[in-house]
């Protein structure tokens, strides 16, 4: 049974709110979550149907939109449970792998996040999401291996970002934050200078 279009419309409405409008976003998120949860109880979406997998992904994605998500373990657990349940039904569900990777990263589980990002199939994404995926892979490798060994890979990413022609703007705030924080730990002056230049280029993208 097709998923009601109203679900997608409500999720689209969430993105129209400013991130600062927390008091307005939360009730909308709650409403969408309740709607999806009620559908998951319906026999039409039982067992291992592709529609059930999509509903579970949409549930995890909607939980991810909570304005008070950061630091809230219950929300992290709900995101994890929903997305991994979707993946159990559809093992190559790249967008579910992507957001489960984001969730693991936000929880500080960088090795788990890396493995999940590596499960994503790039050809399932448009160029915008391909760059987001590449950014998050880089961030995981930096967290695990350090900034210095990844400077050349960051430079390749910056070059791709500077030349991207997607209709959506990409601001790699996660990568920018890491470079800002980890730059002081670089021992080589050459590497410090390179990191500073890459940071400037990223901020101008």
N, C-alpha and C. Protein backbone atom coordinates (compact mmCIF):
# COMPACT_ATOMS: atom_id res chain seq x y z
N UNK A 1 0.85 -1.20 0.00
CA UNK A 1 0.00 0.00 0.00
C UNK A 1 0.88 1.24 0.00
N UNK A 2 0.64 2.19 -0.89
CA UNK A 2 1.49 3.40 -0.94
C UNK A 2 1.41 4.19 0.36
N UNK A 3 2.51 4.83 0.71
CA UNK A 3 2.54 5.69 1.89
C UNK A 3 1.79 6.99 1.57
N UNK A 4 0.93 7.45 2.46
CA UNK A 4 0.17 8.68 2.19
C UNK A 4 1.08 9.87 1.89
N UNK A 5 0.72 10.63 0.89
CA UNK A 5 1.50 11.81 0.51
C UNK A 5 1.57 12.82 1.66
N UNK A 6 0.56 12.80 2.53
CA UNK A 6 0.54 13.76 3.65
C UNK A 6 1.76 13.60 4.55
N UNK A 7 2.30 12.38 4.65
CA UNK A 7 3.50 12.15 5.45
C UNK A 7 4.67 12.96 4.89
N UNK A 8 4.85 12.84 3.58
CA UNK A 8 5.96 13.56 2.94
C UNK A 8 5.76 15.07 3.03
N UNK A 9 4.53 15.51 2.90
CA UNK A 9 4.23 16.95 2.98
C UNK A 9 4.55 17.48 4.38
N UNK A 10 4.19 16.72 5.40
CA UNK A 10 4.47 17.16 6.77
C UNK A 10 5.97 17.19 7.05
N UNK A 11 6.69 16.19 6.53
CA UNK A 11 8.14 16.18 6.72
C UNK A 11 8.78 17.36 5.99
N UNK A 12 8.29 17.66 4.80
CA UNK A 12 8.79 18.84 4.07
C UNK A 12 8.53 20.11 4.85
N UNK A 13 7.40 20.18 5.55
CA UNK A 13 7.07 21.38 6.33
C UNK A 13 8.05 21.60 7.47
N UNK A 14 8.58 20.50 8.02
CA UNK A 14 9.55 20.63 9.12
C UNK A 14 10.78 21.41 8.65
N UNK A 15 11.22 21.13 7.42
CA UNK A 15 12.43 21.78 6.91
C UNK A 15 12.24 23.27 6.66
N UNK A 16 10.99 23.73 6.64
CA UNK A 16 10.73 25.14 6.40
C UNK A 16 10.91 25.99 7.66
N UNK A 17 10.95 25.33 8.82
CA UNK A 17 11.15 26.07 10.06
C UNK A 17 12.61 26.42 10.23
N UNK A 18 12.84 27.56 10.85
CA UNK A 18 14.20 27.91 11.24
C UNK A 18 14.61 27.01 12.39
N UNK A 19 15.89 26.65 12.43
CA UNK A 19 16.38 25.81 13.53
C UNK A 19 16.20 26.48 14.89
N UNK A 20 16.03 27.78 14.91
CA UNK A 20 15.87 28.51 16.17
C UNK A 20 14.42 28.46 16.67
N UNK A 21 13.49 28.05 15.80
CA UNK A 21 12.07 28.01 16.18
C UNK A 21 11.75 26.69 16.87
N UNK A 22 12.47 26.41 17.94
CA UNK A 22 12.34 25.10 18.58
C UNK A 22 10.94 24.84 19.12
N UNK A 23 10.29 25.86 19.65
CA UNK A 23 8.95 25.67 20.21
C UNK A 23 7.92 25.36 19.13
N UNK A 24 8.19 25.79 17.91
CA UNK A 24 7.27 25.53 16.81
C UNK A 24 7.58 24.20 16.12
N UNK A 25 8.85 23.83 16.09
CA UNK A 25 9.22 22.59 15.40
C UNK A 25 8.76 21.36 16.16
N UNK A 26 8.97 21.34 17.47
CA UNK A 26 8.72 20.13 18.26
C UNK A 26 7.32 19.55 18.08
N UNK A 27 6.24 20.37 18.16
CA UNK A 27 4.91 19.78 17.97
C UNK A 27 4.70 19.19 16.58
N UNK A 28 5.31 19.81 15.57
CA UNK A 28 5.18 19.30 14.20
C UNK A 28 5.89 17.96 14.09
N UNK A 29 7.09 17.86 14.67
CA UNK A 29 7.83 16.60 14.67
C UNK A 29 7.04 15.52 15.40
N UNK A 30 6.49 15.88 16.56
CA UNK A 30 5.69 14.92 17.34
C UNK A 30 4.50 14.40 16.53
N UNK A 31 3.85 15.30 15.80
CA UNK A 31 2.69 14.92 15.01
C UNK A 31 3.07 13.93 13.91
N UNK A 32 4.17 14.20 13.23
CA UNK A 32 4.61 13.31 12.15
C UNK A 32 5.00 11.94 12.72
N UNK A 33 5.71 11.94 13.83
CA UNK A 33 6.11 10.68 14.45
C UNK A 33 4.89 9.85 14.83
N UNK A 34 3.89 10.48 15.44
CA UNK A 34 2.68 9.76 15.82
C UNK A 34 1.97 9.18 14.60
N UNK A 35 1.93 9.95 13.53
CA UNK A 35 1.28 9.49 12.30
C UNK A 35 2.00 8.27 11.73
N UNK A 36 3.32 8.34 11.66
CA UNK A 36 4.09 7.21 11.13
C UNK A 36 3.94 5.98 12.02
N UNK A 37 4.01 6.18 13.33
CA UNK A 37 3.87 5.05 14.25
C UNK A 37 2.51 4.37 14.11
N UNK A 38 1.46 5.15 13.88
CA UNK A 38 0.13 4.56 13.69
C UNK A 38 0.08 3.74 12.41
N UNK A 39 0.74 4.21 11.36
CA UNK A 39 0.78 3.46 10.11
C UNK A 39 1.54 2.15 10.27
N UNK A 40 2.61 2.18 11.05
CA UNK A 40 3.41 0.97 11.25
C UNK A 40 2.63 -0.13 11.96
N UNK A 41 1.56 0.26 12.66
CA UNK A 41 0.71 -0.73 13.35
C UNK A 41 -0.35 -1.31 12.42
N UNK A 42 -0.53 -0.69 11.27
CA UNK A 42 -1.56 -1.14 10.34
C UNK A 42 -1.11 -2.40 9.60
N UNK A 43 -2.03 -3.34 9.38
CA UNK A 43 -1.64 -4.60 8.71
C UNK A 43 -1.12 -4.39 7.29
N UNK A 44 -1.52 -3.28 6.67
CA UNK A 44 -1.06 -3.02 5.30
C UNK A 44 0.45 -2.83 5.22
N UNK A 45 1.07 -2.46 6.34
CA UNK A 45 2.51 -2.20 6.35
C UNK A 45 3.26 -3.19 7.24
N UNK A 46 2.72 -4.38 7.35
CA UNK A 46 3.35 -5.38 8.21
C UNK A 46 4.46 -6.11 7.47
N UNK A 47 5.13 -6.94 8.24
CA UNK A 47 6.19 -7.83 7.75
C UNK A 47 7.34 -7.07 7.10
N UNK A 48 7.79 -7.55 5.94
CA UNK A 48 9.04 -7.02 5.36
C UNK A 48 8.79 -6.27 4.06
N UNK A 49 7.71 -5.54 3.97
CA UNK A 49 7.41 -4.82 2.74
C UNK A 49 8.35 -3.63 2.56
N UNK A 50 8.58 -3.24 1.32
CA UNK A 50 9.43 -2.07 1.05
C UNK A 50 8.79 -0.80 1.62
N UNK A 51 7.46 -0.78 1.67
CA UNK A 51 6.78 0.39 2.25
C UNK A 51 7.05 0.48 3.75
N UNK A 52 7.10 -0.67 4.42
CA UNK A 52 7.42 -0.65 5.85
C UNK A 52 8.84 -0.15 6.07
N UNK A 53 9.76 -0.60 5.23
CA UNK A 53 11.14 -0.14 5.33
C UNK A 53 11.20 1.38 5.17
N UNK A 54 10.44 1.90 4.21
CA UNK A 54 10.45 3.35 4.00
C UNK A 54 9.83 4.09 5.18
N UNK A 55 8.75 3.55 5.74
CA UNK A 55 8.14 4.18 6.91
C UNK A 55 9.13 4.22 8.08
N UNK A 56 9.86 3.13 8.28
CA UNK A 56 10.85 3.09 9.37
C UNK A 56 11.96 4.10 9.13
N UNK A 57 12.39 4.23 7.86
CA UNK A 57 13.38 5.25 7.54
C UNK A 57 12.83 6.64 7.83
N UNK A 58 11.60 6.91 7.39
CA UNK A 58 10.99 8.22 7.60
C UNK A 58 10.84 8.52 9.09
N UNK A 59 10.56 7.48 9.88
CA UNK A 59 10.46 7.66 11.33
C UNK A 59 11.81 8.08 11.91
N UNK A 60 12.86 7.37 11.52
CA UNK A 60 14.20 7.72 12.01
C UNK A 60 14.61 9.11 11.55
N UNK A 61 14.33 9.42 10.29
CA UNK A 61 14.66 10.74 9.75
C UNK A 61 13.92 11.84 10.51
N UNK A 62 12.65 11.60 10.83
CA UNK A 62 11.86 12.61 11.55
C UNK A 62 12.38 12.79 12.97
N UNK A 63 12.71 11.70 13.64
CA UNK A 63 13.35 11.82 14.96
C UNK A 63 14.62 12.68 14.86
N UNK A 64 15.33 12.52 13.76
CA UNK A 64 16.59 13.26 13.57
C UNK A 64 16.34 14.76 13.48
N UNK A 65 15.12 15.18 13.18
CA UNK A 65 14.81 16.59 13.04
C UNK A 65 14.47 17.27 14.37
N UNK A 66 14.42 16.50 15.45
CA UNK A 66 14.12 17.10 16.75
C UNK A 66 15.12 18.20 17.07
N UNK A 67 14.64 19.39 17.48
CA UNK A 67 15.57 20.48 17.81
C UNK A 67 16.40 20.20 19.06
N UNK A 68 15.88 19.34 19.93
CA UNK A 68 16.62 19.02 21.17
C UNK A 68 17.30 17.67 21.08
N UNK A 69 17.61 17.25 19.86
CA UNK A 69 18.20 15.92 19.66
C UNK A 69 19.57 15.78 20.30
N UNK A 70 20.43 16.78 20.12
CA UNK A 70 21.81 16.67 20.61
C UNK A 70 21.84 16.48 22.12
N UNK A 71 22.50 15.40 22.53
CA UNK A 71 22.64 15.12 23.95
C UNK A 71 21.47 14.36 24.54
N UNK A 72 20.44 14.09 23.75
CA UNK A 72 19.27 13.37 24.26
C UNK A 72 19.38 11.90 23.86
N UNK A 73 19.76 11.08 24.79
CA UNK A 73 20.03 9.67 24.47
C UNK A 73 18.78 8.95 23.96
N UNK A 74 17.61 9.29 24.51
CA UNK A 74 16.39 8.61 24.08
C UNK A 74 16.12 8.84 22.59
N UNK A 75 16.37 10.06 22.13
CA UNK A 75 16.16 10.35 20.72
C UNK A 75 17.19 9.61 19.88
N UNK A 76 18.45 9.60 20.33
CA UNK A 76 19.47 8.85 19.60
C UNK A 76 19.06 7.38 19.45
N UNK A 77 18.54 6.80 20.54
CA UNK A 77 18.15 5.39 20.52
C UNK A 77 16.98 5.17 19.57
N UNK A 78 16.03 6.08 19.55
CA UNK A 78 14.88 5.95 18.65
C UNK A 78 15.30 6.07 17.18
N UNK A 79 16.23 6.98 16.91
CA UNK A 79 16.76 7.10 15.54
C UNK A 79 17.45 5.80 15.14
N UNK A 80 18.30 5.31 16.03
CA UNK A 80 19.06 4.07 15.77
C UNK A 80 18.12 2.90 15.50
N UNK A 81 17.15 2.73 16.37
CA UNK A 81 16.23 1.60 16.26
C UNK A 81 15.45 1.66 14.95
N UNK A 82 14.96 2.85 14.60
CA UNK A 82 14.13 2.99 13.39
C UNK A 82 14.94 2.72 12.14
N UNK A 83 16.12 3.34 12.04
CA UNK A 83 16.91 3.21 10.83
C UNK A 83 17.47 1.80 10.65
N UNK A 84 17.94 1.20 11.73
CA UNK A 84 18.47 -0.16 11.61
C UNK A 84 17.36 -1.17 11.31
N UNK A 85 16.14 -0.89 11.78
CA UNK A 85 15.01 -1.76 11.44
C UNK A 85 14.69 -1.65 9.95
N UNK A 86 14.81 -0.45 9.40
CA UNK A 86 14.61 -0.28 7.96
C UNK A 86 15.67 -1.04 7.18
N UNK A 87 16.91 -0.98 7.67
CA UNK A 87 18.02 -1.66 6.99
C UNK A 87 17.89 -3.18 7.08
N UNK A 88 17.29 -3.69 8.16
CA UNK A 88 17.06 -5.13 8.27
C UNK A 88 16.16 -5.63 7.15
N UNK A 89 15.23 -4.78 6.73
CA UNK A 89 14.32 -5.15 5.65
C UNK A 89 14.99 -4.95 4.29
N UNK A 90 15.74 -3.85 4.18
CA UNK A 90 16.35 -3.47 2.90
C UNK A 90 17.83 -3.18 3.14
N UNK A 91 18.65 -4.19 2.93
CA UNK A 91 20.06 -4.10 3.32
C UNK A 91 20.84 -3.03 2.57
N UNK A 92 20.43 -2.68 1.36
CA UNK A 92 21.16 -1.68 0.58
C UNK A 92 20.49 -0.31 0.63
N UNK A 93 19.82 -0.03 1.72
CA UNK A 93 19.07 1.22 1.88
C UNK A 93 20.05 2.34 2.21
N UNK A 94 20.65 2.92 1.20
CA UNK A 94 21.78 3.84 1.39
C UNK A 94 21.42 5.08 2.21
N UNK A 95 20.24 5.64 2.00
CA UNK A 95 19.89 6.85 2.74
C UNK A 95 19.69 6.54 4.22
N UNK A 96 19.21 5.32 4.52
CA UNK A 96 19.09 4.92 5.93
C UNK A 96 20.47 4.69 6.54
N UNK A 97 21.38 4.09 5.76
CA UNK A 97 22.76 3.94 6.23
C UNK A 97 23.38 5.31 6.49
N UNK A 98 23.10 6.29 5.60
CA UNK A 98 23.67 7.63 5.76
C UNK A 98 23.25 8.26 7.07
N UNK A 99 21.96 8.25 7.36
CA UNK A 99 21.49 8.89 8.59
C UNK A 99 21.85 8.09 9.83
N UNK A 100 21.94 6.77 9.71
CA UNK A 100 22.41 5.99 10.86
C UNK A 100 23.88 6.30 11.13
N UNK A 101 24.63 6.58 10.06
CA UNK A 101 26.02 7.01 10.24
C UNK A 101 26.10 8.36 10.91
N UNK A 102 25.26 9.29 10.49
CA UNK A 102 25.20 10.61 11.14
C UNK A 102 24.90 10.45 12.63
N UNK A 103 23.93 9.59 12.93
CA UNK A 103 23.53 9.41 14.32
C UNK A 103 24.66 8.83 15.15
N UNK A 104 25.35 7.81 14.62
CA UNK A 104 26.49 7.23 15.33
C UNK A 104 27.59 8.27 15.53
N UNK A 105 27.83 9.09 14.50
CA UNK A 105 28.84 10.14 14.60
C UNK A 105 28.48 11.12 15.71
N UNK A 106 27.22 11.52 15.76
CA UNK A 106 26.77 12.48 16.77
C UNK A 106 26.91 11.91 18.18
N UNK A 107 26.88 10.58 18.29
CA UNK A 107 27.04 9.93 19.59
C UNK A 107 28.51 9.70 19.93
N UNK A 108 29.41 10.10 19.02
CA UNK A 108 30.83 9.93 19.26
C UNK A 108 31.34 8.54 18.94
N UNK A 109 30.54 7.75 18.24
CA UNK A 109 30.93 6.38 17.86
C UNK A 109 31.48 6.44 16.43
N UNK A 110 32.70 6.92 16.30
CA UNK A 110 33.25 7.24 14.99
C UNK A 110 33.56 6.01 14.14
N UNK A 111 33.99 4.93 14.76
CA UNK A 111 34.26 3.71 13.99
C UNK A 111 32.96 3.14 13.43
N UNK A 112 31.91 3.12 14.26
CA UNK A 112 30.60 2.66 13.79
C UNK A 112 30.10 3.55 12.66
N UNK A 113 30.26 4.86 12.84
CA UNK A 113 29.80 5.81 11.82
C UNK A 113 30.53 5.56 10.51
N UNK A 114 31.85 5.37 10.59
CA UNK A 114 32.64 5.13 9.37
C UNK A 114 32.13 3.90 8.64
N UNK A 115 31.90 2.81 9.37
CA UNK A 115 31.44 1.57 8.74
C UNK A 115 30.08 1.77 8.07
N UNK A 116 29.23 2.57 8.69
CA UNK A 116 27.90 2.81 8.12
C UNK A 116 27.99 3.69 6.86
N UNK A 117 28.85 4.68 6.91
CA UNK A 117 29.01 5.52 5.72
C UNK A 117 29.59 4.70 4.56
N UNK A 118 30.47 3.76 4.89
CA UNK A 118 31.05 2.91 3.85
C UNK A 118 30.02 1.95 3.25
N UNK A 119 28.92 1.70 3.98
CA UNK A 119 27.86 0.85 3.45
C UNK A 119 27.02 1.57 2.39
N UNK A 120 27.09 2.89 2.37
CA UNK A 120 26.30 3.66 1.40
C UNK A 120 26.84 3.42 -0.01
N UNK A 121 25.94 3.27 -0.95
CA UNK A 121 26.33 3.13 -2.35
C UNK A 121 26.18 4.50 -3.02
N UNK A 122 27.31 5.06 -3.44
CA UNK A 122 27.30 6.43 -3.95
C UNK A 122 26.36 6.62 -5.12
N UNK A 123 26.21 5.58 -5.94
CA UNK A 123 25.34 5.73 -7.12
C UNK A 123 23.86 5.79 -6.76
N UNK A 124 23.55 5.61 -5.47
CA UNK A 124 22.17 5.78 -5.00
C UNK A 124 21.86 7.25 -4.71
N UNK A 125 22.89 8.09 -4.72
CA UNK A 125 22.73 9.49 -4.32
C UNK A 125 22.95 10.43 -5.49
N UNK A 126 22.33 11.62 -5.40
CA UNK A 126 22.67 12.68 -6.33
C UNK A 126 24.00 13.31 -5.90
N UNK A 127 24.50 14.25 -6.67
CA UNK A 127 25.82 14.82 -6.39
C UNK A 127 25.87 15.55 -5.05
N UNK A 128 24.76 16.13 -4.64
CA UNK A 128 24.71 16.82 -3.34
C UNK A 128 24.99 15.83 -2.21
N UNK A 129 24.23 14.73 -2.19
CA UNK A 129 24.41 13.75 -1.12
C UNK A 129 25.74 13.02 -1.24
N UNK A 130 26.27 12.88 -2.43
CA UNK A 130 27.59 12.27 -2.57
C UNK A 130 28.65 13.10 -1.86
N UNK A 131 28.54 14.43 -1.96
CA UNK A 131 29.50 15.30 -1.28
C UNK A 131 29.30 15.28 0.24
N UNK A 132 28.05 15.22 0.67
CA UNK A 132 27.78 15.10 2.10
C UNK A 132 28.38 13.80 2.64
N UNK A 133 28.19 12.72 1.89
CA UNK A 133 28.75 11.43 2.30
C UNK A 133 30.27 11.49 2.37
N UNK A 134 30.90 12.10 1.38
CA UNK A 134 32.35 12.21 1.37
C UNK A 134 32.84 13.04 2.55
N UNK A 135 32.13 14.13 2.85
CA UNK A 135 32.51 14.95 4.01
C UNK A 135 32.50 14.12 5.29
N UNK A 136 31.43 13.36 5.49
CA UNK A 136 31.30 12.61 6.74
C UNK A 136 32.31 11.46 6.82
N UNK A 137 32.64 10.85 5.69
CA UNK A 137 33.71 9.84 5.71
C UNK A 137 35.02 10.48 6.15
N UNK A 138 35.32 11.64 5.58
CA UNK A 138 36.55 12.36 5.96
C UNK A 138 36.56 12.67 7.45
N UNK A 139 35.44 13.13 7.97
CA UNK A 139 35.36 13.48 9.38
C UNK A 139 35.62 12.26 10.26
N UNK A 140 35.08 11.11 9.87
CA UNK A 140 35.31 9.89 10.64
C UNK A 140 36.79 9.51 10.62
N UNK A 141 37.40 9.54 9.44
CA UNK A 141 38.82 9.17 9.35
C UNK A 141 39.68 10.14 10.16
N UNK A 142 39.33 11.43 10.15
CA UNK A 142 40.09 12.41 10.94
C UNK A 142 39.96 12.10 12.43
N UNK A 143 38.74 11.80 12.88
CA UNK A 143 38.52 11.49 14.29
C UNK A 143 39.30 10.25 14.71
N UNK A 144 39.43 9.29 13.79
CA UNK A 144 40.09 8.03 14.12
C UNK A 144 41.61 8.12 13.94
N UNK A 145 42.06 8.76 12.85
CA UNK A 145 43.48 8.75 12.50
C UNK A 145 44.19 10.07 12.76
N UNK A 146 43.44 11.14 12.96
CA UNK A 146 44.05 12.44 13.16
C UNK A 146 43.95 13.31 11.91
N UNK A 147 44.16 14.60 12.07
CA UNK A 147 44.01 15.55 10.96
C UNK A 147 45.15 15.46 9.95
N UNK A 148 46.37 15.37 10.45
CA UNK A 148 47.55 15.45 9.57
C UNK A 148 47.52 14.44 8.42
N UNK A 149 47.21 13.15 8.66
CA UNK A 149 47.25 12.18 7.55
C UNK A 149 46.16 12.40 6.50
N UNK A 150 45.18 13.23 6.83
CA UNK A 150 44.02 13.39 5.94
C UNK A 150 44.03 14.70 5.17
N UNK A 151 45.07 15.50 5.30
CA UNK A 151 45.08 16.82 4.65
C UNK A 151 44.97 16.72 3.13
N UNK A 152 45.65 15.76 2.53
CA UNK A 152 45.56 15.62 1.07
C UNK A 152 44.16 15.22 0.62
N UNK A 153 43.51 14.35 1.39
CA UNK A 153 42.15 13.95 1.06
C UNK A 153 41.19 15.12 1.25
N UNK A 154 41.43 15.93 2.26
CA UNK A 154 40.60 17.13 2.47
C UNK A 154 40.75 18.07 1.28
N UNK A 155 41.98 18.21 0.79
CA UNK A 155 42.22 19.09 -0.36
C UNK A 155 41.43 18.60 -1.59
N UNK A 156 41.40 17.29 -1.80
CA UNK A 156 40.62 16.74 -2.92
C UNK A 156 39.13 17.05 -2.75
N UNK A 157 38.66 16.94 -1.50
CA UNK A 157 37.25 17.24 -1.22
C UNK A 157 36.96 18.72 -1.49
N UNK A 158 37.85 19.59 -1.05
CA UNK A 158 37.66 21.03 -1.27
C UNK A 158 37.57 21.33 -2.76
N UNK A 159 38.43 20.69 -3.55
CA UNK A 159 38.40 20.91 -5.01
C UNK A 159 37.06 20.47 -5.61
N UNK A 160 36.54 19.34 -5.13
CA UNK A 160 35.23 18.89 -5.62
C UNK A 160 34.14 19.87 -5.20
N UNK A 161 34.24 20.35 -3.98
CA UNK A 161 33.22 21.27 -3.47
C UNK A 161 33.23 22.58 -4.24
N UNK A 162 34.42 23.06 -4.56
CA UNK A 162 34.54 24.32 -5.30
C UNK A 162 33.97 24.21 -6.71
N UNK A 163 33.97 23.00 -7.24
CA UNK A 163 33.51 22.80 -8.62
C UNK A 163 32.12 22.17 -8.72
N UNK A 164 31.45 22.02 -7.59
CA UNK A 164 30.16 21.33 -7.64
C UNK A 164 29.13 22.23 -8.34
N UNK A 165 28.20 21.57 -9.01
CA UNK A 165 27.17 22.30 -9.75
C UNK A 165 25.77 21.87 -9.33
N UNK A 166 25.64 21.44 -8.07
CA UNK A 166 24.33 21.03 -7.58
C UNK A 166 23.49 22.27 -7.28
N UNK A 167 22.17 22.13 -7.33
CA UNK A 167 21.31 23.28 -7.07
C UNK A 167 21.28 23.69 -5.60
N UNK A 168 21.74 22.80 -4.73
CA UNK A 168 21.73 23.10 -3.30
C UNK A 168 23.12 23.52 -2.84
N UNK A 169 23.15 24.52 -1.97
CA UNK A 169 24.42 24.95 -1.39
C UNK A 169 24.89 23.92 -0.37
N UNK A 170 26.17 23.69 -0.34
CA UNK A 170 26.75 22.75 0.61
C UNK A 170 27.69 23.53 1.53
N UNK A 171 27.42 23.48 2.83
CA UNK A 171 28.31 24.11 3.79
C UNK A 171 28.80 23.03 4.74
N UNK A 172 30.03 22.59 4.58
CA UNK A 172 30.55 21.46 5.36
C UNK A 172 30.94 21.86 6.78
N UNK A 173 29.93 22.20 7.59
CA UNK A 173 30.20 22.75 8.92
C UNK A 173 30.88 21.74 9.84
N UNK A 174 30.60 20.43 9.64
CA UNK A 174 31.22 19.42 10.51
C UNK A 174 32.72 19.39 10.25
N UNK A 175 33.11 19.36 8.98
CA UNK A 175 34.52 19.33 8.63
C UNK A 175 35.21 20.63 9.05
N UNK A 176 34.55 21.75 8.83
CA UNK A 176 35.12 23.04 9.23
C UNK A 176 35.39 23.07 10.73
N UNK A 177 34.43 22.59 11.51
CA UNK A 177 34.59 22.58 12.97
C UNK A 177 35.78 21.72 13.40
N UNK A 178 35.95 20.57 12.75
CA UNK A 178 37.07 19.69 13.11
C UNK A 178 38.40 20.37 12.80
N UNK A 179 38.51 20.95 11.61
CA UNK A 179 39.78 21.59 11.24
C UNK A 179 40.10 22.73 12.19
N UNK A 180 39.10 23.52 12.54
CA UNK A 180 39.31 24.62 13.48
C UNK A 180 39.84 24.11 14.82
N UNK A 181 39.25 23.03 15.31
CA UNK A 181 39.61 22.51 16.63
C UNK A 181 40.93 21.74 16.63
N UNK A 182 41.20 21.02 15.53
CA UNK A 182 42.36 20.13 15.51
C UNK A 182 43.61 20.77 14.92
N UNK A 183 43.45 21.93 14.32
CA UNK A 183 44.59 22.60 13.68
C UNK A 183 45.72 22.88 14.67
N UNK A 184 45.35 23.20 15.90
CA UNK A 184 46.38 23.55 16.91
C UNK A 184 47.24 22.35 17.28
N UNK A 185 46.76 21.14 16.99
CA UNK A 185 47.52 19.94 17.34
C UNK A 185 48.54 19.52 16.28
N UNK A 186 48.54 20.23 15.16
CA UNK A 186 49.50 19.91 14.10
C UNK A 186 50.88 20.42 14.49
N UNK A 187 51.86 19.54 14.42
CA UNK A 187 53.21 19.90 14.85
C UNK A 187 54.00 20.61 13.76
N UNK A 188 53.75 20.24 12.51
CA UNK A 188 54.49 20.82 11.39
C UNK A 188 53.88 22.16 10.98
N UNK A 189 54.74 23.16 10.80
CA UNK A 189 54.27 24.47 10.36
C UNK A 189 53.65 24.39 8.97
N UNK A 190 54.26 23.57 8.09
CA UNK A 190 53.71 23.40 6.75
C UNK A 190 52.28 22.84 6.80
N UNK A 191 52.08 21.87 7.68
CA UNK A 191 50.74 21.27 7.79
C UNK A 191 49.76 22.27 8.40
N UNK A 192 50.24 23.07 9.36
CA UNK A 192 49.38 24.10 9.94
C UNK A 192 48.94 25.09 8.86
N UNK A 193 49.89 25.51 8.05
CA UNK A 193 49.58 26.47 6.98
C UNK A 193 48.61 25.86 5.97
N UNK A 194 48.86 24.60 5.63
CA UNK A 194 47.97 23.94 4.67
C UNK A 194 46.56 23.83 5.23
N UNK A 195 46.44 23.45 6.50
CA UNK A 195 45.13 23.34 7.13
C UNK A 195 44.42 24.68 7.16
N UNK A 196 45.16 25.75 7.43
CA UNK A 196 44.58 27.09 7.48
C UNK A 196 44.05 27.51 6.11
N UNK A 197 44.82 27.20 5.06
CA UNK A 197 44.40 27.53 3.70
C UNK A 197 43.16 26.73 3.31
N UNK A 198 43.15 25.43 3.65
CA UNK A 198 42.00 24.58 3.33
C UNK A 198 40.76 25.06 4.08
N UNK A 199 40.94 25.47 5.32
CA UNK A 199 39.82 25.98 6.11
C UNK A 199 39.23 27.22 5.47
N UNK A 200 40.10 28.11 5.02
CA UNK A 200 39.64 29.34 4.36
C UNK A 200 38.86 29.02 3.09
N UNK A 201 39.37 28.07 2.33
CA UNK A 201 38.68 27.69 1.09
C UNK A 201 37.32 27.06 1.37
N UNK A 202 37.27 26.25 2.41
CA UNK A 202 35.99 25.63 2.78
C UNK A 202 34.97 26.68 3.18
N UNK A 203 35.41 27.67 3.93
CA UNK A 203 34.49 28.70 4.41
C UNK A 203 33.98 29.59 3.28
N UNK A 204 34.72 29.62 2.18
CA UNK A 204 34.30 30.43 1.04
C UNK A 204 33.40 29.68 0.07
N UNK A 205 33.29 28.36 0.25
CA UNK A 205 32.48 27.56 -0.68
C UNK A 205 30.99 27.92 -0.55
